[in-house]
Each structure stands twice: as C-alpha cells, then as structure tokens.
Amino acid sequence: MTLPALRETVLKSLMAGLMIGVGGTVYLSCDSRVVGALLFATGLLTICNMGYLLFTGKVCFALENSPAYLVTLAVIALGNVAACVLYGAAARQFLPQAAEKAASACAAKLTQTGMQTFFLAVMCGILMYIAVVTFRRQQGMSRYVGIFTCVPVFILSGFEHSIADAVYLGMAGLPAGSARFLLIVLAGNAVGGLLFPVMQRLAGDKS
C-alpha cells in the first residue's frame, strides 16, 4: 500500500468510526429502542454515501480482492476502533447520560460466553453484508432499503457489531475483557460477512 493510499484509508476509516459513534450515541439517547435503532442507521447511510471505510462493510468483499486486501482490512479495523475509543472517551466527559447507559450495556455484553458472542457477531455480519450489497447493487431509493431494515434488525435482535461495540466500550472506559470481546466480535463479523459470498461461489453464482 502506497503512502497516499494508506493516508486515505486511515482517514476514511476514522471518519467511519466517528459516524458509528454518532449512531451509537443517538441510539443510547432515545427512550424508544425502535426509534433509536432506526436513527442509528444514519451512521451507515453516511458511510455508504460518503465512501468512508467500515470494517463490517468491507470485509464482505475479501474474496473479490487479492491477499493484500487483508492488510487494508486490518488498517480499516484499527482506524474504526481507534476513532470509536477516542469518541467514547470524549462522550464520557460530555455525554455522561449516554456513557452511563453504555457502561450498563457493556457489563451485560462482557458476561456472554465466547461462543455466544461469536454467534451474535456472525448474525450481524450477515445483515451487514445484505445492507451493503443492496446499497451497491440497487438504484434509486431502493438501495437504502437494506440499510434501514438490516441495521435496526441487528440492533433490536441483540446481534454484535464490532465497531458499534467499540463505541460503547470506549464510553464505558474500556473495562476488563474489552480487547478479547472485540477480537471475538471482529472475527464473527468477518465470518458472517463472508458466509453468503462463499455460499454463492459454491452454488456457482458469479453475481
């Protein structure tokens, strides 16, 4: 990866992480979980429209790229998580009510078994694949259907999104076990994001 490409990747990854931070904040700030889940989709909507780089939206296309793409994915994941942790630290200072809710949510998340967390992350990865592929393949307003259905579905179902979790963990002050939890969720999101593409290849579908 050239230096200009690395700079662009890092900056777009940081911006994506910031937008997921905004989405996480509005979700925590809404009294209605349904309304909050719908508004959270603003983060992914902005990321897709602006061309920012979100790990869970890019890992789905690993099979379409060369092995060097894995390095790009690693940079994206690090940039996303770094932005979310920094945003979370700021939110602890300036949005204490949201940070308090995040801490409560994280306490519950960190009591999950590794297999439970992995399963929930795989399911989120599948939904993220559907959302981003719909945005890529459809035209007009129909390209946004996946975003405004899949995002609320994974949130209301309790599925784990690694970058959103990085926001909440950052708001909670990175409690013990945060790194292990995030690694499991990242792995699960990657498996979920690649599950449908792998099945399509096995079925001979080139789309």
N, C-alpha and C. Protein backbone atom coordinates (compact mmCIF):
# COMPACT_ATOMS: atom_id res chain seq x y z
N MET A 1 0.85 -1.20 0.00
CA MET A 1 0.00 0.00 0.00
C MET A 1 0.88 1.24 0.00
N THR A 2 0.65 2.14 -0.95
CA THR A 2 1.43 3.37 -1.03
C THR A 2 1.07 4.30 0.12
N LEU A 3 1.94 5.27 0.35
CA LEU A 3 1.69 6.21 1.45
C LEU A 3 0.40 7.01 1.24
N PRO A 4 0.13 7.54 0.03
CA PRO A 4 -1.15 8.25 -0.17
C PRO A 4 -2.36 7.34 0.06
N ALA A 5 -2.26 6.09 -0.40
CA ALA A 5 -3.37 5.15 -0.20
C ALA A 5 -3.56 4.85 1.27
N LEU A 6 -2.45 4.71 2.00
CA LEU A 6 -2.54 4.46 3.44
C LEU A 6 -3.18 5.64 4.16
N ARG A 7 -2.77 6.84 3.80
CA ARG A 7 -3.34 8.04 4.42
C ARG A 7 -4.85 8.12 4.17
N GLU A 8 -5.25 7.86 2.92
CA GLU A 8 -6.68 7.90 2.59
C GLU A 8 -7.46 6.83 3.36
N THR A 9 -6.88 5.64 3.44
CA THR A 9 -7.54 4.55 4.15
C THR A 9 -7.71 4.87 5.63
N VAL A 10 -6.66 5.40 6.23
CA VAL A 10 -6.73 5.74 7.66
C VAL A 10 -7.78 6.82 7.91
N LEU A 11 -7.76 7.88 7.10
CA LEU A 11 -8.70 8.98 7.31
C LEU A 11 -10.14 8.53 7.10
N LYS A 12 -10.39 7.76 6.05
CA LYS A 12 -11.76 7.30 5.79
C LYS A 12 -12.22 6.28 6.84
N SER A 13 -11.27 5.56 7.42
CA SER A 13 -11.61 4.62 8.49
C SER A 13 -11.97 5.38 9.77
N LEU A 14 -11.22 6.43 10.04
CA LEU A 14 -11.52 7.25 11.22
C LEU A 14 -12.88 7.92 11.08
N MET A 15 -13.20 8.41 9.88
CA MET A 15 -14.49 9.05 9.67
C MET A 15 -15.64 8.04 9.82
N ALA A 16 -15.42 6.83 9.35
CA ALA A 16 -16.44 5.80 9.51
C ALA A 16 -16.67 5.49 10.98
N GLY A 17 -15.58 5.37 11.74
CA GLY A 17 -15.70 5.12 13.17
C GLY A 17 -16.45 6.25 13.87
N LEU A 18 -16.17 7.48 13.47
CA LEU A 18 -16.87 8.63 14.06
C LEU A 18 -18.37 8.55 13.79
N MET A 19 -18.75 8.17 12.58
CA MET A 19 -20.17 8.11 12.25
C MET A 19 -20.88 6.98 13.00
N ILE A 20 -20.19 5.88 13.24
CA ILE A 20 -20.78 4.83 14.06
C ILE A 20 -20.91 5.32 15.50
N GLY A 21 -19.96 6.17 15.93
CA GLY A 21 -20.08 6.79 17.25
C GLY A 21 -21.32 7.65 17.35
N VAL A 22 -21.61 8.40 16.31
CA VAL A 22 -22.83 9.22 16.28
C VAL A 22 -24.06 8.32 16.33
N GLY A 23 -24.05 7.25 15.54
CA GLY A 23 -25.18 6.33 15.55
C GLY A 23 -25.40 5.70 16.91
N GLY A 24 -24.29 5.29 17.54
CA GLY A 24 -24.41 4.70 18.87
C GLY A 24 -24.93 5.67 19.89
N THR A 25 -24.54 6.92 19.77
CA THR A 25 -24.98 7.94 20.72
C THR A 25 -26.48 8.20 20.61
N VAL A 26 -26.96 8.31 19.38
CA VAL A 26 -28.40 8.59 19.23
C VAL A 26 -29.22 7.40 19.70
N TYR A 27 -28.70 6.19 19.47
CA TYR A 27 -29.42 5.00 19.96
C TYR A 27 -29.53 5.02 21.48
N LEU A 28 -28.44 5.33 22.15
CA LEU A 28 -28.44 5.37 23.62
C LEU A 28 -29.28 6.52 24.16
N SER A 29 -29.45 7.55 23.37
CA SER A 29 -30.14 8.75 23.84
C SER A 29 -31.65 8.70 23.64
N CYS A 30 -32.14 7.72 22.88
CA CYS A 30 -33.58 7.62 22.61
C CYS A 30 -34.27 6.76 23.66
N ASP A 31 -35.42 7.21 24.11
CA ASP A 31 -36.20 6.39 25.04
C ASP A 31 -36.77 5.16 24.35
N SER A 32 -37.08 5.28 23.07
CA SER A 32 -37.61 4.16 22.30
C SER A 32 -36.47 3.43 21.60
N ARG A 33 -36.34 2.12 21.86
CA ARG A 33 -35.29 1.34 21.20
C ARG A 33 -35.51 1.28 19.70
N VAL A 34 -36.77 1.22 19.28
CA VAL A 34 -37.07 1.14 17.85
C VAL A 34 -36.64 2.42 17.14
N VAL A 35 -37.02 3.55 17.70
CA VAL A 35 -36.62 4.83 17.11
C VAL A 35 -35.10 4.96 17.11
N GLY A 36 -34.47 4.60 18.22
CA GLY A 36 -33.01 4.68 18.30
C GLY A 36 -32.33 3.79 17.27
N ALA A 37 -32.87 2.58 17.08
CA ALA A 37 -32.28 1.66 16.10
C ALA A 37 -32.41 2.20 14.68
N LEU A 38 -33.55 2.82 14.38
CA LEU A 38 -33.74 3.41 13.06
C LEU A 38 -32.77 4.58 12.83
N LEU A 39 -32.62 5.42 13.85
CA LEU A 39 -31.74 6.58 13.71
C LEU A 39 -30.26 6.16 13.68
N PHE A 40 -29.94 5.05 14.31
CA PHE A 40 -28.56 4.53 14.24
C PHE A 40 -28.15 4.33 12.79
N ALA A 41 -29.11 3.97 11.93
CA ALA A 41 -28.81 3.72 10.53
C ALA A 41 -28.23 4.94 9.83
N THR A 42 -28.40 6.13 10.42
CA THR A 42 -27.80 7.34 9.86
C THR A 42 -26.29 7.18 9.70
N GLY A 43 -25.68 6.47 10.64
CA GLY A 43 -24.23 6.26 10.56
C GLY A 43 -23.84 5.50 9.31
N LEU A 44 -24.48 4.35 9.07
CA LEU A 44 -24.14 3.55 7.88
C LEU A 44 -24.56 4.26 6.60
N LEU A 45 -25.68 4.96 6.64
CA LEU A 45 -26.12 5.73 5.47
C LEU A 45 -25.05 6.73 5.05
N THR A 46 -24.51 7.46 6.02
CA THR A 46 -23.47 8.45 5.73
C THR A 46 -22.21 7.78 5.21
N ILE A 47 -21.83 6.68 5.84
CA ILE A 47 -20.62 5.95 5.43
C ILE A 47 -20.72 5.49 3.98
N CYS A 48 -21.87 4.92 3.62
CA CYS A 48 -22.05 4.44 2.24
C CYS A 48 -22.07 5.59 1.24
N ASN A 49 -22.76 6.67 1.57
CA ASN A 49 -22.86 7.80 0.64
C ASN A 49 -21.54 8.55 0.48
N MET A 50 -20.78 8.64 1.56
CA MET A 50 -19.52 9.40 1.53
C MET A 50 -18.31 8.56 1.12
N GLY A 51 -18.51 7.24 1.03
CA GLY A 51 -17.39 6.39 0.66
C GLY A 51 -16.40 6.17 1.78
N TYR A 52 -16.85 6.31 3.02
CA TYR A 52 -15.97 6.03 4.16
C TYR A 52 -15.77 4.51 4.28
N LEU A 53 -14.82 4.11 5.08
CA LEU A 53 -14.41 2.70 5.14
C LEU A 53 -14.76 2.09 6.49
N LEU A 54 -15.71 1.17 6.48
CA LEU A 54 -16.16 0.49 7.69
C LEU A 54 -15.82 -0.99 7.57
N PHE A 55 -15.16 -1.53 8.57
CA PHE A 55 -14.69 -2.92 8.51
C PHE A 55 -15.82 -3.89 8.15
N THR A 56 -16.96 -3.76 8.83
CA THR A 56 -18.04 -4.71 8.61
C THR A 56 -18.69 -4.55 7.24
N GLY A 57 -18.46 -3.43 6.59
CA GLY A 57 -18.97 -3.23 5.24
C GLY A 57 -17.98 -3.62 4.17
N LYS A 58 -16.70 -3.72 4.52
CA LYS A 58 -15.65 -4.02 3.54
C LYS A 58 -15.17 -5.47 3.59
N VAL A 59 -15.28 -6.11 4.75
CA VAL A 59 -14.80 -7.48 4.86
C VAL A 59 -15.60 -8.41 3.95
N CYS A 60 -16.83 -8.04 3.62
CA CYS A 60 -17.69 -8.86 2.75
C CYS A 60 -17.07 -9.08 1.37
N PHE A 61 -16.16 -8.19 0.96
CA PHE A 61 -15.63 -8.24 -0.40
C PHE A 61 -14.20 -8.78 -0.44
N ALA A 62 -13.79 -9.48 0.61
CA ALA A 62 -12.43 -10.01 0.67
C ALA A 62 -12.16 -11.02 -0.44
N LEU A 63 -13.17 -11.80 -0.81
CA LEU A 63 -12.99 -12.82 -1.84
C LEU A 63 -12.80 -12.22 -3.23
N GLU A 64 -13.23 -10.96 -3.39
CA GLU A 64 -13.12 -10.31 -4.69
C GLU A 64 -11.77 -9.64 -4.90
N ASN A 65 -10.94 -9.64 -3.86
CA ASN A 65 -9.68 -8.90 -3.90
C ASN A 65 -8.49 -9.80 -3.67
N SER A 66 -7.31 -9.26 -3.88
CA SER A 66 -6.07 -10.01 -3.68
C SER A 66 -5.77 -10.15 -2.19
N PRO A 67 -4.83 -11.04 -1.83
CA PRO A 67 -4.47 -11.20 -0.42
C PRO A 67 -4.01 -9.89 0.24
N ALA A 68 -3.51 -8.95 -0.55
CA ALA A 68 -3.08 -7.66 0.00
C ALA A 68 -4.26 -6.90 0.62
N TYR A 69 -5.46 -7.25 0.22
CA TYR A 69 -6.66 -6.61 0.76
C TYR A 69 -6.79 -6.86 2.26
N LEU A 70 -6.21 -7.96 2.73
CA LEU A 70 -6.26 -8.27 4.16
C LEU A 70 -5.54 -7.20 4.98
N VAL A 71 -4.46 -6.65 4.41
CA VAL A 71 -3.74 -5.57 5.08
C VAL A 71 -4.64 -4.33 5.16
N THR A 72 -5.33 -4.05 4.06
CA THR A 72 -6.26 -2.92 4.05
C THR A 72 -7.34 -3.10 5.10
N LEU A 73 -7.89 -4.31 5.20
CA LEU A 73 -8.92 -4.59 6.20
C LEU A 73 -8.40 -4.38 7.61
N ALA A 74 -7.16 -4.78 7.86
CA ALA A 74 -6.57 -4.59 9.19
C ALA A 74 -6.44 -3.11 9.52
N VAL A 75 -6.02 -2.31 8.53
CA VAL A 75 -5.89 -0.87 8.74
C VAL A 75 -7.27 -0.25 8.99
N ILE A 76 -8.27 -0.69 8.23
CA ILE A 76 -9.63 -0.17 8.41
C ILE A 76 -10.14 -0.49 9.80
N ALA A 77 -9.96 -1.74 10.23
CA ALA A 77 -10.43 -2.15 11.56
C ALA A 77 -9.75 -1.33 12.66
N LEU A 78 -8.45 -1.14 12.55
CA LEU A 78 -7.72 -0.36 13.55
C LEU A 78 -8.19 1.09 13.56
N GLY A 79 -8.40 1.66 12.36
CA GLY A 79 -8.86 3.04 12.28
C GLY A 79 -10.26 3.21 12.86
N ASN A 80 -11.15 2.28 12.53
CA ASN A 80 -12.51 2.31 13.07
C ASN A 80 -12.49 2.26 14.59
N VAL A 81 -11.77 1.28 15.14
CA VAL A 81 -11.75 1.08 16.59
C VAL A 81 -11.11 2.27 17.30
N ALA A 82 -10.01 2.78 16.72
CA ALA A 82 -9.34 3.93 17.33
C ALA A 82 -10.27 5.13 17.41
N ALA A 83 -10.99 5.42 16.32
CA ALA A 83 -11.92 6.54 16.31
C ALA A 83 -13.02 6.35 17.35
N CYS A 84 -13.52 5.12 17.46
CA CYS A 84 -14.61 4.84 18.40
C CYS A 84 -14.16 4.96 19.84
N VAL A 85 -12.97 4.49 20.13
CA VAL A 85 -12.46 4.59 21.50
C VAL A 85 -12.22 6.05 21.89
N LEU A 86 -11.66 6.82 20.97
CA LEU A 86 -11.44 8.25 21.25
C LEU A 86 -12.77 8.98 21.40
N TYR A 87 -13.71 8.66 20.52
CA TYR A 87 -15.04 9.26 20.63
C TYR A 87 -15.69 8.88 21.95
N GLY A 88 -15.54 7.62 22.33
CA GLY A 88 -16.11 7.16 23.59
C GLY A 88 -15.53 7.89 24.78
N ALA A 89 -14.23 8.15 24.73
CA ALA A 89 -13.59 8.89 25.83
C ALA A 89 -14.16 10.30 25.93
N ALA A 90 -14.39 10.93 24.77
CA ALA A 90 -15.00 12.27 24.78
C ALA A 90 -16.42 12.21 25.30
N ALA A 91 -17.15 11.18 24.89
CA ALA A 91 -18.55 11.06 25.32
C ALA A 91 -18.66 10.87 26.84
N ARG A 92 -17.68 10.21 27.44
CA ARG A 92 -17.71 10.05 28.90
C ARG A 92 -17.67 11.40 29.59
N GLN A 93 -17.00 12.36 28.95
CA GLN A 93 -16.87 13.69 29.54
C GLN A 93 -18.07 14.57 29.24
N PHE A 94 -18.56 14.51 28.01
CA PHE A 94 -19.55 15.49 27.56
C PHE A 94 -20.97 14.94 27.37
N LEU A 95 -21.10 13.60 27.38
CA LEU A 95 -22.42 12.97 27.26
C LEU A 95 -22.55 11.90 28.35
N PRO A 96 -22.53 12.32 29.60
CA PRO A 96 -22.49 11.34 30.70
C PRO A 96 -23.69 10.41 30.76
N GLN A 97 -24.86 10.88 30.35
CA GLN A 97 -26.04 10.01 30.40
C GLN A 97 -25.93 8.87 29.40
N ALA A 98 -25.47 9.19 28.21
CA ALA A 98 -25.28 8.14 27.20
C ALA A 98 -24.17 7.18 27.64
N ALA A 99 -23.10 7.73 28.22
CA ALA A 99 -22.00 6.89 28.68
C ALA A 99 -22.44 5.95 29.80
N GLU A 100 -23.33 6.42 30.65
CA GLU A 100 -23.83 5.56 31.73
C GLU A 100 -24.61 4.38 31.16
N LYS A 101 -25.43 4.64 30.14
CA LYS A 101 -26.18 3.56 29.50
C LYS A 101 -25.23 2.59 28.79
N ALA A 102 -24.18 3.14 28.19
CA ALA A 102 -23.21 2.29 27.51
C ALA A 102 -22.51 1.37 28.49
N ALA A 103 -22.17 1.91 29.66
CA ALA A 103 -21.48 1.10 30.67
C ALA A 103 -22.36 -0.06 31.12
N SER A 104 -23.66 0.21 31.29
CA SER A 104 -24.60 -0.84 31.68
C SER A 104 -24.70 -1.92 30.61
N ALA A 105 -24.77 -1.48 29.35
CA ALA A 105 -24.86 -2.43 28.24
C ALA A 105 -23.59 -3.27 28.13
N CYS A 106 -22.44 -2.64 28.33
CA CYS A 106 -21.18 -3.36 28.22
C CYS A 106 -21.01 -4.39 29.34
N ALA A 107 -21.50 -4.07 30.51
CA ALA A 107 -21.42 -5.01 31.62
C ALA A 107 -22.15 -6.31 31.26
N ALA A 108 -23.28 -6.18 30.58
CA ALA A 108 -24.02 -7.37 30.16
C ALA A 108 -23.30 -8.10 29.03
N LYS A 109 -22.76 -7.35 28.08
CA LYS A 109 -22.07 -7.96 26.96
C LYS A 109 -20.87 -8.78 27.41
N LEU A 110 -20.14 -8.27 28.38
CA LEU A 110 -18.91 -8.93 28.81
C LEU A 110 -19.16 -10.17 29.66
N THR A 111 -20.41 -10.43 30.01
CA THR A 111 -20.73 -11.67 30.73
C THR A 111 -21.08 -12.80 29.77
N GLN A 112 -21.21 -12.50 28.47
CA GLN A 112 -21.52 -13.53 27.49
C GLN A 112 -20.35 -14.50 27.34
N THR A 113 -20.66 -15.75 26.98
CA THR A 113 -19.59 -16.69 26.66
C THR A 113 -19.00 -16.32 25.30
N GLY A 114 -17.81 -16.81 25.04
CA GLY A 114 -17.17 -16.52 23.76
C GLY A 114 -17.98 -17.03 22.58
N MET A 115 -18.56 -18.22 22.72
CA MET A 115 -19.36 -18.78 21.63
C MET A 115 -20.64 -17.97 21.40
N GLN A 116 -21.25 -17.51 22.48
CA GLN A 116 -22.45 -16.69 22.34
C GLN A 116 -22.13 -15.40 21.61
N THR A 117 -21.05 -14.75 22.02
CA THR A 117 -20.63 -13.51 21.37
C THR A 117 -20.32 -13.74 19.90
N PHE A 118 -19.62 -14.83 19.60
CA PHE A 118 -19.26 -15.15 18.22
C PHE A 118 -20.50 -15.36 17.36
N PHE A 119 -21.47 -16.11 17.88
CA PHE A 119 -22.71 -16.36 17.14
C PHE A 119 -23.44 -15.05 16.84
N LEU A 120 -23.57 -14.20 17.87
CA LEU A 120 -24.26 -12.93 17.69
C LEU A 120 -23.54 -12.04 16.68
N ALA A 121 -22.21 -12.14 16.64
CA ALA A 121 -21.42 -11.36 15.70
C ALA A 121 -21.58 -11.89 14.27
N VAL A 122 -21.64 -13.20 14.12
CA VAL A 122 -21.85 -13.79 12.79
C VAL A 122 -23.17 -13.32 12.21
N MET A 123 -24.20 -13.33 13.02
CA MET A 123 -25.52 -12.91 12.54
C MET A 123 -25.51 -11.43 12.12
N CYS A 124 -24.80 -10.61 12.87
CA CYS A 124 -24.69 -9.20 12.49
C CYS A 124 -23.93 -9.06 11.17
N GLY A 125 -22.87 -9.86 11.01
CA GLY A 125 -22.10 -9.82 9.77
C GLY A 125 -22.94 -10.15 8.55
N ILE A 126 -23.85 -11.12 8.69
CA ILE A 126 -24.75 -11.47 7.59
C ILE A 126 -25.62 -10.28 7.21
N LEU A 127 -26.18 -9.62 8.22
CA LEU A 127 -27.05 -8.48 7.96
C LEU A 127 -26.29 -7.31 7.35
N MET A 128 -25.05 -7.12 7.79
CA MET A 128 -24.25 -6.05 7.20
C MET A 128 -23.94 -6.35 5.73
N TYR A 129 -23.70 -7.60 5.43
CA TYR A 129 -23.48 -7.98 4.03
C TYR A 129 -24.70 -7.64 3.18
N ILE A 130 -25.88 -8.00 3.68
CA ILE A 130 -27.11 -7.71 2.94
C ILE A 130 -27.28 -6.21 2.73
N ALA A 131 -27.00 -5.43 3.79
CA ALA A 131 -27.17 -3.98 3.71
C ALA A 131 -26.24 -3.35 2.67
N VAL A 132 -24.96 -3.70 2.72
CA VAL A 132 -24.01 -3.04 1.82
C VAL A 132 -24.13 -3.54 0.39
N VAL A 133 -24.46 -4.81 0.20
CA VAL A 133 -24.62 -5.33 -1.16
C VAL A 133 -25.88 -4.75 -1.79
N THR A 134 -26.93 -4.59 -1.01
CA THR A 134 -28.14 -3.95 -1.52
C THR A 134 -27.84 -2.53 -1.96
N PHE A 135 -27.06 -1.80 -1.14
CA PHE A 135 -26.69 -0.42 -1.50
C PHE A 135 -25.88 -0.40 -2.78
N ARG A 136 -24.99 -1.37 -2.94
CA ARG A 136 -24.11 -1.40 -4.10
C ARG A 136 -24.86 -1.78 -5.38
N ARG A 137 -25.80 -2.71 -5.30
CA ARG A 137 -26.42 -3.28 -6.50
C ARG A 137 -27.70 -2.59 -6.95
N GLN A 138 -28.42 -1.98 -6.02
CA GLN A 138 -29.70 -1.38 -6.38
C GLN A 138 -29.52 0.08 -6.82
N GLN A 139 -30.58 0.63 -7.38
CA GLN A 139 -30.56 2.00 -7.85
C GLN A 139 -31.66 2.81 -7.18
N GLY A 140 -31.51 4.13 -7.18
CA GLY A 140 -32.53 5.00 -6.62
C GLY A 140 -32.72 4.77 -5.13
N MET A 141 -33.93 5.01 -4.66
CA MET A 141 -34.22 4.90 -3.23
C MET A 141 -34.15 3.46 -2.73
N SER A 142 -34.32 2.49 -3.63
CA SER A 142 -34.31 1.09 -3.21
C SER A 142 -32.95 0.65 -2.66
N ARG A 143 -31.90 1.38 -2.99
CA ARG A 143 -30.58 1.00 -2.49
C ARG A 143 -30.46 1.24 -0.98
N TYR A 144 -31.36 2.04 -0.41
CA TYR A 144 -31.30 2.33 1.02
C TYR A 144 -32.14 1.38 1.87
N VAL A 145 -32.91 0.52 1.21
CA VAL A 145 -33.79 -0.38 1.95
C VAL A 145 -33.00 -1.28 2.89
N GLY A 146 -31.89 -1.82 2.40
CA GLY A 146 -31.08 -2.72 3.22
C GLY A 146 -30.54 -2.03 4.47
N ILE A 147 -30.15 -0.78 4.32
CA ILE A 147 -29.61 -0.05 5.47
C ILE A 147 -30.67 0.15 6.53
N PHE A 148 -31.86 0.59 6.11
CA PHE A 148 -32.89 0.94 7.09
C PHE A 148 -33.72 -0.25 7.56
N THR A 149 -33.40 -1.43 7.06
CA THR A 149 -34.01 -2.64 7.63
C THR A 149 -32.98 -3.45 8.40
N CYS A 150 -31.82 -3.69 7.79
CA CYS A 150 -30.82 -4.57 8.42
C CYS A 150 -30.21 -3.97 9.68
N VAL A 151 -29.96 -2.67 9.69
CA VAL A 151 -29.37 -2.05 10.88
C VAL A 151 -30.30 -2.15 12.09
N PRO A 152 -31.57 -1.71 11.97
CA PRO A 152 -32.47 -1.89 13.12
C PRO A 152 -32.64 -3.35 13.53
N VAL A 153 -32.65 -4.26 12.54
CA VAL A 153 -32.82 -5.68 12.86
C VAL A 153 -31.66 -6.19 13.71
N PHE A 154 -30.42 -5.87 13.34
CA PHE A 154 -29.31 -6.40 14.14
C PHE A 154 -29.27 -5.76 15.53
N ILE A 155 -29.67 -4.50 15.63
CA ILE A 155 -29.66 -3.84 16.94
C ILE A 155 -30.75 -4.42 17.84
N LEU A 156 -31.96 -4.50 17.33
CA LEU A 156 -33.09 -4.97 18.13
C LEU A 156 -32.99 -6.46 18.44
N SER A 157 -32.24 -7.19 17.62
CA SER A 157 -32.06 -8.62 17.87
C SER A 157 -30.94 -8.89 18.88
N GLY A 158 -30.16 -7.86 19.19
CA GLY A 158 -29.05 -8.05 20.13
C GLY A 158 -27.81 -8.62 19.49
N PHE A 159 -27.72 -8.57 18.15
CA PHE A 159 -26.52 -9.05 17.47
C PHE A 159 -25.36 -8.07 17.71
N GLU A 160 -24.14 -8.59 17.62
CA GLU A 160 -22.96 -7.80 17.98
C GLU A 160 -22.26 -7.21 16.76
N HIS A 161 -22.12 -5.90 16.75
CA HIS A 161 -21.40 -5.18 15.69
C HIS A 161 -20.11 -4.65 16.31
N SER A 162 -18.98 -5.10 15.79
CA SER A 162 -17.69 -4.81 16.42
C SER A 162 -17.40 -3.33 16.59
N ILE A 163 -17.71 -2.53 15.58
CA ILE A 163 -17.36 -1.11 15.64
C ILE A 163 -18.32 -0.37 16.57
N ALA A 164 -19.60 -0.73 16.53
CA ALA A 164 -20.53 -0.15 17.50
C ALA A 164 -20.12 -0.54 18.92
N ASP A 165 -19.72 -1.79 19.10
CA ASP A 165 -19.28 -2.23 20.43
C ASP A 165 -18.06 -1.45 20.89
N ALA A 166 -17.17 -1.09 19.95
CA ALA A 166 -16.00 -0.30 20.31
C ALA A 166 -16.42 1.07 20.85
N VAL A 167 -17.50 1.62 20.30
CA VAL A 167 -18.03 2.89 20.81
C VAL A 167 -18.50 2.73 22.25
N TYR A 168 -19.32 1.71 22.48
CA TYR A 168 -19.88 1.50 23.81
C TYR A 168 -18.79 1.19 24.83
N LEU A 169 -17.82 0.38 24.44
CA LEU A 169 -16.72 0.04 25.35
C LEU A 169 -15.88 1.27 25.64
N GLY A 170 -15.69 2.12 24.63
CA GLY A 170 -14.96 3.37 24.85
C GLY A 170 -15.69 4.27 25.82
N MET A 171 -17.02 4.36 25.67
CA MET A 171 -17.82 5.15 26.59
C MET A 171 -17.77 4.59 28.01
N ALA A 172 -17.63 3.27 28.10
CA ALA A 172 -17.59 2.61 29.41
C ALA A 172 -16.21 2.63 30.04
N GLY A 173 -15.23 3.21 29.33
CA GLY A 173 -13.88 3.29 29.89
C GLY A 173 -13.04 2.05 29.67
N LEU A 174 -13.37 1.26 28.64
CA LEU A 174 -12.64 0.04 28.29
C LEU A 174 -12.48 -0.89 29.51
N PRO A 175 -13.57 -1.44 30.00
CA PRO A 175 -13.50 -2.35 31.15
C PRO A 175 -12.70 -3.60 30.83
N ALA A 176 -12.30 -4.33 31.86
CA ALA A 176 -11.53 -5.55 31.68
C ALA A 176 -12.26 -6.52 30.76
N GLY A 177 -11.51 -7.13 29.86
CA GLY A 177 -12.10 -8.06 28.90
C GLY A 177 -12.51 -7.43 27.59
N SER A 178 -12.35 -6.11 27.46
CA SER A 178 -12.79 -5.42 26.25
C SER A 178 -12.06 -5.90 25.00
N ALA A 179 -10.74 -6.06 25.10
CA ALA A 179 -9.95 -6.43 23.92
C ALA A 179 -10.35 -7.83 23.43
N ARG A 180 -10.47 -8.77 24.34
CA ARG A 180 -10.87 -10.13 23.96
C ARG A 180 -12.25 -10.12 23.32
N PHE A 181 -13.17 -9.40 23.93
CA PHE A 181 -14.53 -9.31 23.41
C PHE A 181 -14.54 -8.76 21.99
N LEU A 182 -13.81 -7.67 21.77
CA LEU A 182 -13.79 -7.04 20.44
C LEU A 182 -13.17 -7.96 19.39
N LEU A 183 -12.12 -8.68 19.76
CA LEU A 183 -11.50 -9.59 18.80
C LEU A 183 -12.47 -10.69 18.38
N ILE A 184 -13.25 -11.20 19.33
CA ILE A 184 -14.23 -12.23 19.01
C ILE A 184 -15.30 -11.66 18.08
N VAL A 185 -15.76 -10.44 18.37
CA VAL A 185 -16.80 -9.84 17.55
C VAL A 185 -16.27 -9.53 16.15
N LEU A 186 -15.06 -9.03 16.06
CA LEU A 186 -14.46 -8.78 14.74
C LEU A 186 -14.40 -10.06 13.92
N ALA A 187 -13.97 -11.15 14.56
CA ALA A 187 -13.88 -12.44 13.86
C ALA A 187 -15.27 -12.91 13.43
N GLY A 188 -16.24 -12.79 14.32
CA GLY A 188 -17.60 -13.21 13.98
C GLY A 188 -18.21 -12.39 12.87
N ASN A 189 -18.00 -11.07 12.92
CA ASN A 189 -18.50 -10.21 11.85
C ASN A 189 -17.88 -10.59 10.51
N ALA A 190 -16.58 -10.92 10.52
CA ALA A 190 -15.91 -11.31 9.28
C ALA A 190 -16.49 -12.62 8.73
N VAL A 191 -16.69 -13.59 9.61
CA VAL A 191 -17.26 -14.87 9.17
C VAL A 191 -18.67 -14.66 8.61
N GLY A 192 -19.48 -13.87 9.32
CA GLY A 192 -20.83 -13.60 8.85
C GLY A 192 -20.85 -12.86 7.53
N GLY A 193 -19.95 -11.90 7.39
CA GLY A 193 -19.89 -11.12 6.16
C GLY A 193 -19.45 -11.93 4.96
N LEU A 194 -18.69 -12.99 5.20
CA LEU A 194 -18.20 -13.82 4.10
C LEU A 194 -19.05 -15.06 3.85
N LEU A 195 -19.98 -15.34 4.75
CA LEU A 195 -20.76 -16.57 4.65
C LEU A 195 -21.57 -16.64 3.36
N PHE A 196 -22.33 -15.59 3.06
CA PHE A 196 -23.14 -15.60 1.84
C PHE A 196 -22.29 -15.58 0.58
N PRO A 197 -21.23 -14.76 0.50
CA PRO A 197 -20.37 -14.81 -0.69
C PRO A 197 -19.77 -16.19 -0.93
N VAL A 198 -19.36 -16.88 0.14
CA VAL A 198 -18.80 -18.23 -0.01
C VAL A 198 -19.88 -19.19 -0.52
N MET A 199 -21.07 -19.09 0.04
CA MET A 199 -22.15 -19.97 -0.40
C MET A 199 -22.54 -19.69 -1.85
N GLN A 200 -22.50 -18.41 -2.24
CA GLN A 200 -22.80 -18.07 -3.63
C GLN A 200 -21.77 -18.65 -4.58
N ARG A 201 -20.50 -18.64 -4.18
CA ARG A 201 -19.45 -19.21 -5.01
C ARG A 201 -19.62 -20.72 -5.14
N LEU A 202 -19.95 -21.37 -4.03
CA LEU A 202 -20.17 -22.81 -4.05
C LEU A 202 -21.35 -23.18 -4.94
N ALA A 203 -22.33 -22.26 -4.99
CA ALA A 203 -23.52 -22.50 -5.82
C ALA A 203 -23.29 -22.12 -7.28
N GLY A 204 -22.11 -21.54 -7.56
CA GLY A 204 -21.80 -21.15 -8.93
C GLY A 204 -22.35 -19.80 -9.33
N ASP A 205 -22.80 -19.01 -8.36
CA ASP A 205 -23.35 -17.67 -8.62
C ASP A 205 -22.20 -16.68 -8.69
N LYS A 206 -22.02 -16.03 -9.82
CA LYS A 206 -20.91 -15.08 -10.01
C LYS A 206 -21.31 -13.64 -9.71
N SER A 207 -22.56 -13.40 -9.30
CA SER A 207 -23.03 -12.02 -9.08
C SER A 207 -22.44 -11.45 -7.82
